[in-house]
């Protein structure tokens, strides 16, 4: 009995040593962060800022890998399908997480495949019109659209994206008939807004800001609960009578669901540490981002609420993504 007890104790000690060694050994090589959009945009910038800060905290390099396609679905799917060893993490966003599930017939990943960790940045959006349109406020825009049904065109960065659905949400709440003109990205949509080919957009504040400041574009409302720090004189949609028109664009951090909890906890802690560092996030704030880190449980509940909002909007719009 004594010999058996000694052997059992030795075995347990060996198992604990192996487990501790595994925990202490991670991470010991570079981690990859999948960004589900092309290089150069806001998501890429946010991802690189986060990667830089987390690299310093974890003591190794985090390499950004841009995997665009299907409005972000391809990149999030790559994260979901990666080996759950703690060496691959990814960004998710409004489009691939809260909108695409209602638009893509065969989603390449399911909720159970992804561990939601925290939002990275929330980007406020602006209802804006061409300076050529004879309106100066949301009530005037609504009145003009009602007097000219089907004659106001709005541009978006592509069918099924946040800028498309945000405008559809505005259209539904205001009870107006406006026509969608999709583009391949926000830049060409803005160019046609400047040229007067489309009369309005709902886009990220950072995309519109230079043109608003130049006077070429009129900012009518922020589709957020609070005014934009970059445009403090522009009212929120609630302030102009459309309280249900809330369409903040957001980016978050996620990982393969089967990554061990202790690793997820360390990844989350490293990310939140960066997000709570005002010096590290200053470039994000300069782009109009709002930083609100959450616990995984809070983030999961936030995504649920986002889906409850966007599902009916997608259905009403009839938008589909193949």
C-alpha atoms as a PDB file:
ATOM      1  CA  UNK A   1       0.000   0.000   0.000  1.00  0.00           C
ATOM      2  CA  UNK A   2       2.824   2.336   0.908  1.00  0.00           C
ATOM      3  CA  UNK A   3       4.626   1.656  -2.390  1.00  0.00           C
ATOM      4  CA  UNK A   4       1.374   2.223  -4.360  1.00  0.00           C
ATOM      5  CA  UNK A   5       0.790   5.536  -2.538  1.00  0.00           C
ATOM      6  CA  UNK A   6       4.315   6.689  -3.309  1.00  0.00           C
ATOM      7  CA  UNK A   7       3.909   5.776  -7.021  1.00  0.00           C
ATOM      8  CA  UNK A   8       0.547   7.544  -7.241  1.00  0.00           C
ATOM      9  CA  UNK A   9       1.999  10.661  -5.622  1.00  0.00           C
ATOM     10  CA  UNK A  10       4.965  10.573  -7.992  1.00  0.00           C
ATOM     11  CA  UNK A  11       2.623  10.217 -10.991  1.00  0.00           C
ATOM     12  CA  UNK A  12       0.469  13.129  -9.860  1.00  0.00           C
ATOM     13  CA  UNK A  13       3.552  15.278  -9.330  1.00  0.00           C
ATOM     14  CA  UNK A  14       4.829  14.424 -12.815  1.00  0.00           C
ATOM     15  CA  UNK A  15       1.447  15.324 -14.358  1.00  0.00           C
ATOM     16  CA  UNK A  16       1.379  18.651 -12.511  1.00  0.00           C
ATOM     17  CA  UNK A  17       4.940  19.378 -13.623  1.00  0.00           C
ATOM     18  CA  UNK A  18       4.068  18.641 -17.267  1.00  0.00           C
ATOM     19  CA  UNK A  19       0.950  20.826 -17.093  1.00  0.00           C
ATOM     20  CA  UNK A  20       2.851  23.679 -15.471  1.00  0.00           C
ATOM     21  CA  UNK A  21       5.610  23.383 -18.074  1.00  0.00           C
ATOM     22  CA  UNK A  22       3.034  23.599 -20.873  1.00  0.00           C
ATOM     23  CA  UNK A  23       1.385  26.648 -19.315  1.00  0.00           C
ATOM     24  CA  UNK A  24       4.722  28.318 -18.642  1.00  0.00           C
ATOM     25  CA  UNK A  25       5.991  27.436 -22.122  1.00  0.00           C
ATOM     26  CA  UNK A  26       3.229  29.371 -23.895  1.00  0.00           C
ATOM     27  CA  UNK A  27       3.817  31.536 -25.752  1.00  0.00           C
ATOM     28  CA  UNK A  28       7.281  30.736 -27.037  1.00  0.00           C
ATOM     29  CA  UNK A  29       6.934  31.614 -30.723  1.00  0.00           C
ATOM     30  CA  UNK A  30       5.182  34.329 -32.765  1.00  0.00           C
ATOM     31  CA  UNK A  31       1.387  34.566 -32.659  1.00  0.00           C
ATOM     32  CA  UNK A  32      -0.605  35.348 -35.815  1.00  0.00           C
ATOM     33  CA  UNK A  33      -3.445  37.873 -35.760  1.00  0.00           C
ATOM     34  CA  UNK A  34      -5.839  37.487 -38.689  1.00  0.00           C
ATOM     35  CA  UNK A  35      -7.366  40.809 -39.779  1.00  0.00           C
ATOM     36  CA  UNK A  36     -10.424  40.019 -41.933  1.00  0.00           C
ATOM     37  CA  UNK A  37     -10.076  43.077 -44.186  1.00  0.00           C
ATOM     38  CA  UNK A  38      -7.503  44.464 -46.601  1.00  0.00           C
ATOM     39  CA  UNK A  39      -4.436  46.348 -45.450  1.00  0.00           C
ATOM     40  CA  UNK A  40      -4.675  50.109 -45.108  1.00  0.00           C
ATOM     41  CA  UNK A  41      -8.174  50.465 -43.662  1.00  0.00           C
ATOM     42  CA  UNK A  42      -9.300  51.230 -40.097  1.00  0.00           C
ATOM     43  CA  UNK A  43      -9.472  47.550 -39.096  1.00  0.00           C
ATOM     44  CA  UNK A  44      -5.892  47.008 -40.268  1.00  0.00           C
ATOM     45  CA  UNK A  45      -4.684  50.024 -38.293  1.00  0.00           C
ATOM     46  CA  UNK A  46      -6.557  48.932 -35.153  1.00  0.00           C
ATOM     47  CA  UNK A  47      -5.205  45.382 -35.503  1.00  0.00           C
ATOM     48  CA  UNK A  48      -1.610  46.549 -35.865  1.00  0.00           C
ATOM     49  CA  UNK A  49      -1.860  48.857 -32.855  1.00  0.00           C
ATOM     50  CA  UNK A  50      -3.270  46.011 -30.770  1.00  0.00           C
ATOM     51  CA  UNK A  51      -0.659  43.556 -32.043  1.00  0.00           C
ATOM     52  CA  UNK A  52       2.164  45.948 -31.198  1.00  0.00           C
ATOM     53  CA  UNK A  53       0.935  46.485 -27.654  1.00  0.00           C
ATOM     54  CA  UNK A  54       0.203  42.826 -26.990  1.00  0.00           C
ATOM     55  CA  UNK A  55       3.620  41.862 -28.359  1.00  0.00           C
ATOM     56  CA  UNK A  56       5.259  43.977 -25.655  1.00  0.00           C
ATOM     57  CA  UNK A  57       3.049  42.474 -22.937  1.00  0.00           C
ATOM     58  CA  UNK A  58       3.501  38.835 -23.980  1.00  0.00           C
ATOM     59  CA  UNK A  59       7.179  39.244 -24.822  1.00  0.00           C
ATOM     60  CA  UNK A  60       7.067  38.015 -28.405  1.00  0.00           C
ATOM     61  CA  UNK A  61       6.005  39.145 -31.864  1.00  0.00           C
ATOM     62  CA  UNK A  62       2.368  39.138 -32.985  1.00  0.00           C
ATOM     63  CA  UNK A  63       2.269  39.050 -36.782  1.00  0.00           C
ATOM     64  CA  UNK A  64      -0.690  40.622 -38.613  1.00  0.00           C
ATOM     65  CA  UNK A  65      -2.037  38.592 -41.557  1.00  0.00           C
ATOM     66  CA  UNK A  66      -4.728  40.300 -43.659  1.00  0.00           C
ATOM     67  CA  UNK A  67      -7.348  37.829 -44.882  1.00  0.00           C
ATOM     68  CA  UNK A  68     -10.086  39.810 -46.629  1.00  0.00           C
ATOM     69  CA  UNK A  69     -13.096  38.508 -48.536  1.00  0.00           C
ATOM     70  CA  UNK A  70     -16.885  38.264 -48.221  1.00  0.00           C
ATOM     71  CA  UNK A  71     -17.098  41.360 -46.053  1.00  0.00           C
ATOM     72  CA  UNK A  72     -14.807  39.877 -43.411  1.00  0.00           C
ATOM     73  CA  UNK A  73     -16.329  36.382 -43.336  1.00  0.00           C
ATOM     74  CA  UNK A  74     -13.239  34.751 -44.879  1.00  0.00           C
ATOM     75  CA  UNK A  75     -10.899  36.123 -42.209  1.00  0.00           C
ATOM     76  CA  UNK A  76     -13.120  35.202 -39.268  1.00  0.00           C
ATOM     77  CA  UNK A  77     -13.548  31.703 -40.735  1.00  0.00           C
ATOM     78  CA  UNK A  78      -9.745  31.379 -40.915  1.00  0.00           C
ATOM     79  CA  UNK A  79      -9.549  32.144 -37.201  1.00  0.00           C
ATOM     80  CA  UNK A  80     -12.335  29.664 -36.403  1.00  0.00           C
ATOM     81  CA  UNK A  81     -10.572  26.890 -38.314  1.00  0.00           C
ATOM     82  CA  UNK A  82      -7.053  27.541 -36.969  1.00  0.00           C
ATOM     83  CA  UNK A  83      -5.327  25.131 -34.597  1.00  0.00           C
ATOM     84  CA  UNK A  84      -6.507  25.870 -31.024  1.00  0.00           C
ATOM     85  CA  UNK A  85      -2.974  26.129 -29.668  1.00  0.00           C
ATOM     86  CA  UNK A  86      -2.999  29.808 -28.710  1.00  0.00           C
ATOM     87  CA  UNK A  87      -0.816  30.831 -31.643  1.00  0.00           C
ATOM     88  CA  UNK A  88      -3.639  32.134 -33.855  1.00  0.00           C
ATOM     89  CA  UNK A  89      -6.067  34.863 -32.858  1.00  0.00           C
ATOM     90  CA  UNK A  90      -8.212  37.100 -35.025  1.00  0.00           C
ATOM     91  CA  UNK A  91     -10.368  40.150 -35.350  1.00  0.00           C
ATOM     92  CA  UNK A  92     -14.085  40.021 -35.920  1.00  0.00           C
ATOM     93  CA  UNK A  93     -16.448  42.863 -36.755  1.00  0.00           C
ATOM     94  CA  UNK A  94     -20.059  43.929 -37.167  1.00  0.00           C
ATOM     95  CA  UNK A  95     -20.367  42.608 -40.716  1.00  0.00           C
ATOM     96  CA  UNK A  96     -19.043  39.037 -40.463  1.00  0.00           C
ATOM     97  CA  UNK A  97     -20.338  38.485 -36.925  1.00  0.00           C
ATOM     98  CA  UNK A  98     -23.671  40.276 -36.594  1.00  0.00           C
ATOM     99  CA  UNK A  99     -24.879  40.752 -40.193  1.00  0.00           C
ATOM    100  CA  UNK A 100     -23.468  37.967 -42.392  1.00  0.00           C
ATOM    101  CA  UNK A 101     -25.215  35.125 -40.493  1.00  0.00           C
ATOM    102  CA  UNK A 102     -28.511  36.493 -41.877  1.00  0.00           C
ATOM    103  CA  UNK A 103     -27.167  36.963 -45.408  1.00  0.00           C
ATOM    104  CA  UNK A 104     -24.877  34.018 -46.171  1.00  0.00           C
ATOM    105  CA  UNK A 105     -26.780  30.764 -46.878  1.00  0.00           C
ATOM    106  CA  UNK A 106     -23.882  28.520 -45.809  1.00  0.00           C
ATOM    107  CA  UNK A 107     -21.706  30.292 -43.280  1.00  0.00           C
ATOM    108  CA  UNK A 108     -18.198  28.763 -43.167  1.00  0.00           C
ATOM    109  CA  UNK A 109     -18.130  28.895 -39.351  1.00  0.00           C
ATOM    110  CA  UNK A 110     -20.581  28.649 -36.465  1.00  0.00           C
ATOM    111  CA  UNK A 111     -20.819  30.447 -33.131  1.00  0.00           C
ATOM    112  CA  UNK A 112     -19.430  27.397 -31.349  1.00  0.00           C
ATOM    113  CA  UNK A 113     -16.213  27.694 -33.373  1.00  0.00           C
ATOM    114  CA  UNK A 114     -15.284  31.138 -32.036  1.00  0.00           C
ATOM    115  CA  UNK A 115     -14.351  32.443 -28.582  1.00  0.00           C
ATOM    116  CA  UNK A 116     -15.357  36.105 -28.319  1.00  0.00           C
ATOM    117  CA  UNK A 117     -12.855  38.014 -26.161  1.00  0.00           C
ATOM    118  CA  UNK A 118     -13.406  41.787 -26.230  1.00  0.00           C
ATOM    119  CA  UNK A 119     -14.327  44.663 -28.530  1.00  0.00           C
ATOM    120  CA  UNK A 120     -11.249  46.521 -29.756  1.00  0.00           C
ATOM    121  CA  UNK A 121     -12.796  49.703 -31.102  1.00  0.00           C
ATOM    122  CA  UNK A 122     -16.230  51.073 -31.826  1.00  0.00           C
ATOM    123  CA  UNK A 123     -16.312  53.463 -34.780  1.00  0.00           C
ATOM    124  CA  UNK A 124     -19.131  55.967 -34.998  1.00  0.00           C
ATOM    125  CA  UNK A 125     -20.905  56.482 -38.307  1.00  0.00           C
ATOM    126  CA  UNK A 126     -22.290  59.661 -39.814  1.00  0.00           C
ATOM    127  CA  UNK A 127     -25.377  60.343 -41.930  1.00  0.00           C
ATOM    128  CA  UNK A 128     -23.969  62.715 -44.532  1.00  0.00           C
ATOM    129  CA  UNK A 129     -25.211  64.343 -47.715  1.00  0.00           C
ATOM    130  CA  UNK A 130     -23.712  65.978 -50.745  1.00  0.00           C
ATOM    131  CA  UNK A 131     -23.353  69.735 -50.366  1.00  0.00           C
ATOM    132  CA  UNK A 132     -25.420  69.935 -53.560  1.00  0.00           C
ATOM    133  CA  UNK A 133     -28.515  68.513 -51.863  1.00  0.00           C
ATOM    134  CA  UNK A 134     -30.688  71.377 -50.542  1.00  0.00           C
ATOM    135  CA  UNK A 135     -30.951  70.090 -46.966  1.00  0.00           C
ATOM    136  CA  UNK A 136     -29.101  70.997 -43.769  1.00  0.00           C
ATOM    137  CA  UNK A 137     -30.583  68.610 -41.193  1.00  0.00           C
ATOM    138  CA  UNK A 138     -32.099  65.164 -40.845  1.00  0.00           C
ATOM    139  CA  UNK A 139     -35.692  66.520 -40.697  1.00  0.00           C
ATOM    140  CA  UNK A 140     -35.011  68.430 -43.915  1.00  0.00           C
ATOM    141  CA  UNK A 141     -33.516  65.324 -45.544  1.00  0.00           C
ATOM    142  CA  UNK A 142     -36.534  63.230 -44.548  1.00  0.00           C
ATOM    143  CA  UNK A 143     -38.943  65.878 -45.843  1.00  0.00           C
ATOM    144  CA  UNK A 144     -37.016  66.165 -49.116  1.00  0.00           C
ATOM    145  CA  UNK A 145     -36.963  62.379 -49.607  1.00  0.00           C
ATOM    146  CA  UNK A 146     -40.704  62.142 -48.933  1.00  0.00           C
ATOM    147  CA  UNK A 147     -41.365  64.914 -51.462  1.00  0.00           C
ATOM    148  CA  UNK A 148     -39.106  63.165 -53.997  1.00  0.00           C
ATOM    149  CA  UNK A 149     -39.660  59.397 -53.524  1.00  0.00           C
ATOM    150  CA  UNK A 150     -37.079  57.199 -55.240  1.00  0.00           C
ATOM    151  CA  UNK A 151     -34.996  60.180 -56.335  1.00  0.00           C
ATOM    152  CA  UNK A 152     -32.442  60.219 -53.509  1.00  0.00           C
ATOM    153  CA  UNK A 153     -29.621  57.723 -53.999  1.00  0.00           C
ATOM    154  CA  UNK A 154     -27.356  56.557 -51.198  1.00  0.00           C
ATOM    155  CA  UNK A 155     -23.949  54.990 -51.685  1.00  0.00           C
ATOM    156  CA  UNK A 156     -22.443  52.148 -49.658  1.00  0.00           C
ATOM    157  CA  UNK A 157     -19.129  50.311 -49.494  1.00  0.00           C
ATOM    158  CA  UNK A 158     -20.830  47.187 -50.831  1.00  0.00           C
ATOM    159  CA  UNK A 159     -24.017  45.135 -50.609  1.00  0.00           C
ATOM    160  CA  UNK A 160     -24.608  43.659 -47.185  1.00  0.00           C
ATOM    161  CA  UNK A 161     -21.942  45.687 -45.430  1.00  0.00           C
ATOM    162  CA  UNK A 162     -22.478  47.895 -42.404  1.00  0.00           C
ATOM    163  CA  UNK A 163     -22.793  51.074 -44.520  1.00  0.00           C
ATOM    164  CA  UNK A 164     -25.552  49.434 -46.592  1.00  0.00           C
ATOM    165  CA  UNK A 165     -27.527  48.125 -43.630  1.00  0.00           C
ATOM    166  CA  UNK A 166     -27.035  51.350 -41.639  1.00  0.00           C
ATOM    167  CA  UNK A 167     -28.665  53.317 -44.454  1.00  0.00           C
ATOM    168  CA  UNK A 168     -31.453  50.734 -44.678  1.00  0.00           C
ATOM    169  CA  UNK A 169     -32.045  51.125 -40.946  1.00  0.00           C
ATOM    170  CA  UNK A 170     -32.245  54.904 -41.434  1.00  0.00           C
ATOM    171  CA  UNK A 171     -34.586  54.447 -44.411  1.00  0.00           C
ATOM    172  CA  UNK A 172     -36.936  52.191 -42.441  1.00  0.00           C
ATOM    173  CA  UNK A 173     -37.024  54.362 -39.321  1.00  0.00           C
ATOM    174  CA  UNK A 174     -37.585  57.558 -41.314  1.00  0.00           C
ATOM    175  CA  UNK A 175     -40.197  55.967 -43.572  1.00  0.00           C
ATOM    176  CA  UNK A 176     -38.594  57.191 -46.793  1.00  0.00           C
ATOM    177  CA  UNK A 177     -37.955  55.737 -50.252  1.00  0.00           C
ATOM    178  CA  UNK A 178     -34.248  56.044 -51.115  1.00  0.00           C
ATOM    179  CA  UNK A 179     -32.252  53.943 -53.602  1.00  0.00           C
ATOM    180  CA  UNK A 180     -29.131  51.885 -52.813  1.00  0.00           C
ATOM    181  CA  UNK A 181     -26.064  52.282 -55.048  1.00  0.00           C
ATOM    182  CA  UNK A 182     -23.353  49.798 -53.958  1.00  0.00           C
ATOM    183  CA  UNK A 183     -19.628  50.405 -54.505  1.00  0.00           C
ATOM    184  CA  UNK A 184     -16.469  48.384 -54.003  1.00  0.00           C
ATOM    185  CA  UNK A 185     -15.384  50.135 -50.841  1.00  0.00           C
ATOM    186  CA  UNK A 186     -16.061  53.411 -49.088  1.00  0.00           C
ATOM    187  CA  UNK A 187     -13.604  55.494 -51.142  1.00  0.00           C
ATOM    188  CA  UNK A 188     -15.475  55.256 -54.486  1.00  0.00           C
ATOM    189  CA  UNK A 189     -18.776  55.868 -52.689  1.00  0.00           C
ATOM    190  CA  UNK A 190     -17.351  59.084 -51.238  1.00  0.00           C
ATOM    191  CA  UNK A 191     -16.000  60.141 -54.625  1.00  0.00           C
ATOM    192  CA  UNK A 192     -19.458  59.845 -56.170  1.00  0.00           C
ATOM    193  CA  UNK A 193     -20.961  61.665 -53.185  1.00  0.00           C
ATOM    194  CA  UNK A 194     -18.565  64.539 -53.881  1.00  0.00           C
ATOM    195  CA  UNK A 195     -19.489  64.429 -57.571  1.00  0.00           C
ATOM    196  CA  UNK A 196     -23.211  64.430 -56.793  1.00  0.00           C
ATOM    197  CA  UNK A 197     -23.836  61.016 -58.344  1.00  0.00           C
ATOM    198  CA  UNK A 198     -25.269  59.857 -54.999  1.00  0.00           C
ATOM    199  CA  UNK A 199     -26.861  62.232 -52.540  1.00  0.00           C
ATOM    200  CA  UNK A 200     -26.212  60.597 -49.160  1.00  0.00           C
ATOM    201  CA  UNK A 201     -24.170  57.984 -47.292  1.00  0.00           C
ATOM    202  CA  UNK A 202     -23.864  56.515 -43.815  1.00  0.00           C
ATOM    203  CA  UNK A 203     -20.135  55.902 -43.332  1.00  0.00           C
ATOM    204  CA  UNK A 204     -17.417  55.853 -40.667  1.00  0.00           C
ATOM    205  CA  UNK A 205     -16.622  59.314 -39.319  1.00  0.00           C
ATOM    206  CA  UNK A 206     -12.920  58.873 -40.172  1.00  0.00           C
ATOM    207  CA  UNK A 207     -13.745  58.309 -43.852  1.00  0.00           C
ATOM    208  CA  UNK A 208     -15.923  61.429 -44.112  1.00  0.00           C
ATOM    209  CA  UNK A 209     -14.088  63.807 -41.789  1.00  0.00           C
ATOM    210  CA  UNK A 210     -11.771  65.556 -44.317  1.00  0.00           C
ATOM    211  CA  UNK A 211     -14.691  66.233 -46.665  1.00  0.00           C
ATOM    212  CA  UNK A 212     -16.933  67.434 -43.844  1.00  0.00           C
ATOM    213  CA  UNK A 213     -14.240  69.849 -42.689  1.00  0.00           C
ATOM    214  CA  UNK A 214     -13.727  71.114 -46.245  1.00  0.00           C
ATOM    215  CA  UNK A 215     -17.454  71.778 -46.630  1.00  0.00           C
ATOM    216  CA  UNK A 216     -17.865  69.386 -49.566  1.00  0.00           C
ATOM    217  CA  UNK A 217     -20.037  67.060 -47.467  1.00  0.00           C
ATOM    218  CA  UNK A 218     -22.663  67.946 -44.841  1.00  0.00           C
ATOM    219  CA  UNK A 219     -22.756  65.887 -41.629  1.00  0.00           C
ATOM    220  CA  UNK A 220     -26.362  65.602 -40.426  1.00  0.00           C
ATOM    221  CA  UNK A 221     -26.243  63.090 -37.568  1.00  0.00           C
ATOM    222  CA  UNK A 222     -24.110  60.541 -35.745  1.00  0.00           C
ATOM    223  CA  UNK A 223     -25.806  57.137 -35.669  1.00  0.00           C
ATOM    224  CA  UNK A 224     -24.617  56.560 -32.115  1.00  0.00           C
ATOM    225  CA  UNK A 225     -25.756  57.085 -28.531  1.00  0.00           C
ATOM    226  CA  UNK A 226     -23.244  59.876 -28.090  1.00  0.00           C
ATOM    227  CA  UNK A 227     -21.931  62.640 -30.304  1.00  0.00           C
ATOM    228  CA  UNK A 228     -18.611  62.091 -32.035  1.00  0.00           C
ATOM    229  CA  UNK A 229     -15.655  63.682 -30.279  1.00  0.00           C
ATOM    230  CA  UNK A 230     -14.395  64.673 -33.743  1.00  0.00           C
ATOM    231  CA  UNK A 231     -17.705  66.375 -34.640  1.00  0.00           C
ATOM    232  CA  UNK A 232     -19.135  67.622 -31.348  1.00  0.00           C
ATOM    233  CA  UNK A 233     -21.594  69.980 -33.070  1.00  0.00           C
ATOM    234  CA  UNK A 234     -23.272  67.174 -35.039  1.00  0.00           C
ATOM    235  CA  UNK A 235     -26.343  65.779 -33.216  1.00  0.00           C
ATOM    236  CA  UNK A 236     -27.051  62.110 -32.641  1.00  0.00           C
ATOM    237  CA  UNK A 237     -29.923  60.375 -34.412  1.00  0.00           C
ATOM    238  CA  UNK A 238     -31.839  60.318 -31.119  1.00  0.00           C
ATOM    239  CA  UNK A 239     -31.516  64.098 -30.911  1.00  0.00           C
ATOM    240  CA  UNK A 240     -33.115  64.473 -34.357  1.00  0.00           C
ATOM    241  CA  UNK A 241     -36.001  62.116 -33.656  1.00  0.00           C
ATOM    242  CA  UNK A 242     -34.667  58.731 -34.783  1.00  0.00           C
ATOM    243  CA  UNK A 243     -33.557  56.999 -31.544  1.00  0.00           C
ATOM    244  CA  UNK A 244     -33.617  53.477 -33.044  1.00  0.00           C
ATOM    245  CA  UNK A 245     -31.081  54.374 -35.742  1.00  0.00           C
ATOM    246  CA  UNK A 246     -27.913  53.155 -34.028  1.00  0.00           C
ATOM    247  CA  UNK A 247     -25.262  51.680 -36.285  1.00  0.00           C
ATOM    248  CA  UNK A 248     -21.862  51.911 -34.650  1.00  0.00           C
ATOM    249  CA  UNK A 249     -19.310  49.915 -36.592  1.00  0.00           C
ATOM    250  CA  UNK A 250     -17.140  47.807 -34.280  1.00  0.00           C
ATOM    251  CA  UNK A 251     -14.117  45.525 -34.367  1.00  0.00           C
ATOM    252  CA  UNK A 252     -13.370  42.854 -31.794  1.00  0.00           C
ATOM    253  CA  UNK A 253     -10.863  40.195 -30.794  1.00  0.00           C
ATOM    254  CA  UNK A 254     -11.606  36.488 -31.028  1.00  0.00           C
ATOM    255  CA  UNK A 255      -9.853  33.112 -31.091  1.00  0.00           C
ATOM    256  CA  UNK A 256     -10.587  29.493 -31.965  1.00  0.00           C
ATOM    257  CA  UNK A 257     -13.119  28.252 -29.400  1.00  0.00           C
ATOM    258  CA  UNK A 258     -11.053  25.253 -28.297  1.00  0.00           C
ATOM    259  CA  UNK A 259      -8.042  27.304 -27.148  1.00  0.00           C
ATOM    260  CA  UNK A 260      -7.440  26.424 -23.450  1.00  0.00           C
ATOM    261  CA  UNK A 261      -9.071  28.870 -21.055  1.00  0.00           C
ATOM    262  CA  UNK A 262      -5.829  29.853 -19.338  1.00  0.00           C
ATOM    263  CA  UNK A 263      -4.418  30.958 -22.697  1.00  0.00           C
ATOM    264  CA  UNK A 264      -7.619  32.835 -23.584  1.00  0.00           C
ATOM    265  CA  UNK A 265      -7.455  34.593 -20.223  1.00  0.00           C
ATOM    266  CA  UNK A 266      -3.890  35.734 -20.871  1.00  0.00           C
ATOM    267  CA  UNK A 267      -4.730  36.889 -24.408  1.00  0.00           C
ATOM    268  CA  UNK A 268      -7.730  38.810 -23.086  1.00  0.00           C
ATOM    269  CA  UNK A 269      -5.705  40.408 -20.295  1.00  0.00           C
ATOM    270  CA  UNK A 270      -2.966  41.465 -22.728  1.00  0.00           C
ATOM    271  CA  UNK A 271      -5.520  42.994 -25.107  1.00  0.00           C
ATOM    272  CA  UNK A 272      -7.393  44.870 -22.371  1.00  0.00           C
ATOM    273  CA  UNK A 273      -4.086  46.186 -21.056  1.00  0.00           C
ATOM    274  CA  UNK A 274      -3.406  47.771 -24.448  1.00  0.00           C
ATOM    275  CA  UNK A 275      -6.959  49.120 -24.789  1.00  0.00           C
ATOM    276  CA  UNK A 276      -6.740  50.779 -21.365  1.00  0.00           C
ATOM    277  CA  UNK A 277      -3.468  52.483 -22.319  1.00  0.00           C
ATOM    278  CA  UNK A 278      -4.411  55.946 -23.625  1.00  0.00           C
ATOM    279  CA  UNK A 279      -0.997  56.485 -25.177  1.00  0.00           C
ATOM    280  CA  UNK A 280      -1.242  53.228 -27.174  1.00  0.00           C
ATOM    281  CA  UNK A 281      -4.792  53.917 -28.351  1.00  0.00           C
ATOM    282  CA  UNK A 282      -4.281  57.593 -29.258  1.00  0.00           C
ATOM    283  CA  UNK A 283      -4.098  56.806 -33.026  1.00  0.00           C
ATOM    284  CA  UNK A 284      -7.450  54.979 -32.731  1.00  0.00           C
ATOM    285  CA  UNK A 285      -9.041  57.885 -30.885  1.00  0.00           C
ATOM    286  CA  UNK A 286      -7.772  60.255 -33.576  1.00  0.00           C
ATOM    287  CA  UNK A 287      -9.841  58.244 -36.074  1.00  0.00           C
ATOM    288  CA  UNK A 288     -12.997  58.682 -34.027  1.00  0.00           C
ATOM    289  CA  UNK A 289     -12.851  55.316 -32.311  1.00  0.00           C
ATOM    290  CA  UNK A 290     -14.474  54.701 -28.944  1.00  0.00           C
ATOM    291  CA  UNK A 291     -12.570  52.212 -26.763  1.00  0.00           C
ATOM    292  CA  UNK A 292     -14.783  50.023 -24.563  1.00  0.00           C
ATOM    293  CA  UNK A 293     -13.088  46.753 -23.531  1.00  0.00           C
ATOM    294  CA  UNK A 294     -15.388  44.058 -22.161  1.00  0.00           C
ATOM    295  CA  UNK A 295     -15.225  40.647 -20.542  1.00  0.00           C
ATOM    296  CA  UNK A 296     -15.865  37.694 -22.866  1.00  0.00           C
ATOM    297  CA  UNK A 297     -19.341  37.288 -21.340  1.00  0.00           C
ATOM    298  CA  UNK A 298     -20.159  40.960 -21.903  1.00  0.00           C
ATOM    299  CA  UNK A 299     -18.879  40.808 -25.471  1.00  0.00           C
ATOM    300  CA  UNK A 300     -20.960  37.703 -26.170  1.00  0.00           C
ATOM    301  CA  UNK A 301     -24.072  39.480 -24.881  1.00  0.00           C
ATOM    302  CA  UNK A 302     -23.200  42.552 -26.962  1.00  0.00           C
ATOM    303  CA  UNK A 303     -22.967  40.449 -30.134  1.00  0.00           C
ATOM    304  CA  UNK A 304     -26.328  38.848 -29.322  1.00  0.00           C
ATOM    305  CA  UNK A 305     -27.918  42.279 -29.068  1.00  0.00           C
ATOM    306  CA  UNK A 306     -26.306  43.343 -32.342  1.00  0.00           C
ATOM    307  CA  UNK A 307     -27.776  40.331 -34.123  1.00  0.00           C
ATOM    308  CA  UNK A 308     -31.210  41.034 -32.700  1.00  0.00           C
ATOM    309  CA  UNK A 309     -30.964  44.502 -34.216  1.00  0.00           C
ATOM    310  CA  UNK A 310     -29.506  43.627 -37.625  1.00  0.00           C
ATOM    311  CA  UNK A 311     -31.485  40.457 -38.391  1.00  0.00           C
ATOM    312  CA  UNK A 312     -34.784  42.251 -39.114  1.00  0.00           C
ATOM    313  CA  UNK A 313     -32.956  44.967 -41.096  1.00  0.00           C
ATOM    314  CA  UNK A 314     -31.309  42.371 -43.342  1.00  0.00           C
ATOM    315  CA  UNK A 315     -34.639  40.613 -43.850  1.00  0.00           C
ATOM    316  CA  UNK A 316     -36.419  43.842 -44.750  1.00  0.00           C
ATOM    317  CA  UNK A 317     -33.667  44.852 -47.192  1.00  0.00           C
ATOM    318  CA  UNK A 318     -33.605  41.457 -48.941  1.00  0.00           C
ATOM    319  CA  UNK A 319     -29.795  41.635 -49.051  1.00  0.00           C
ATOM    320  CA  UNK A 320     -27.938  38.400 -49.809  1.00  0.00           C
ATOM    321  CA  UNK A 321     -24.257  37.464 -49.984  1.00  0.00           C
ATOM    322  CA  UNK A 322     -23.232  34.352 -51.900  1.00  0.00           C
END
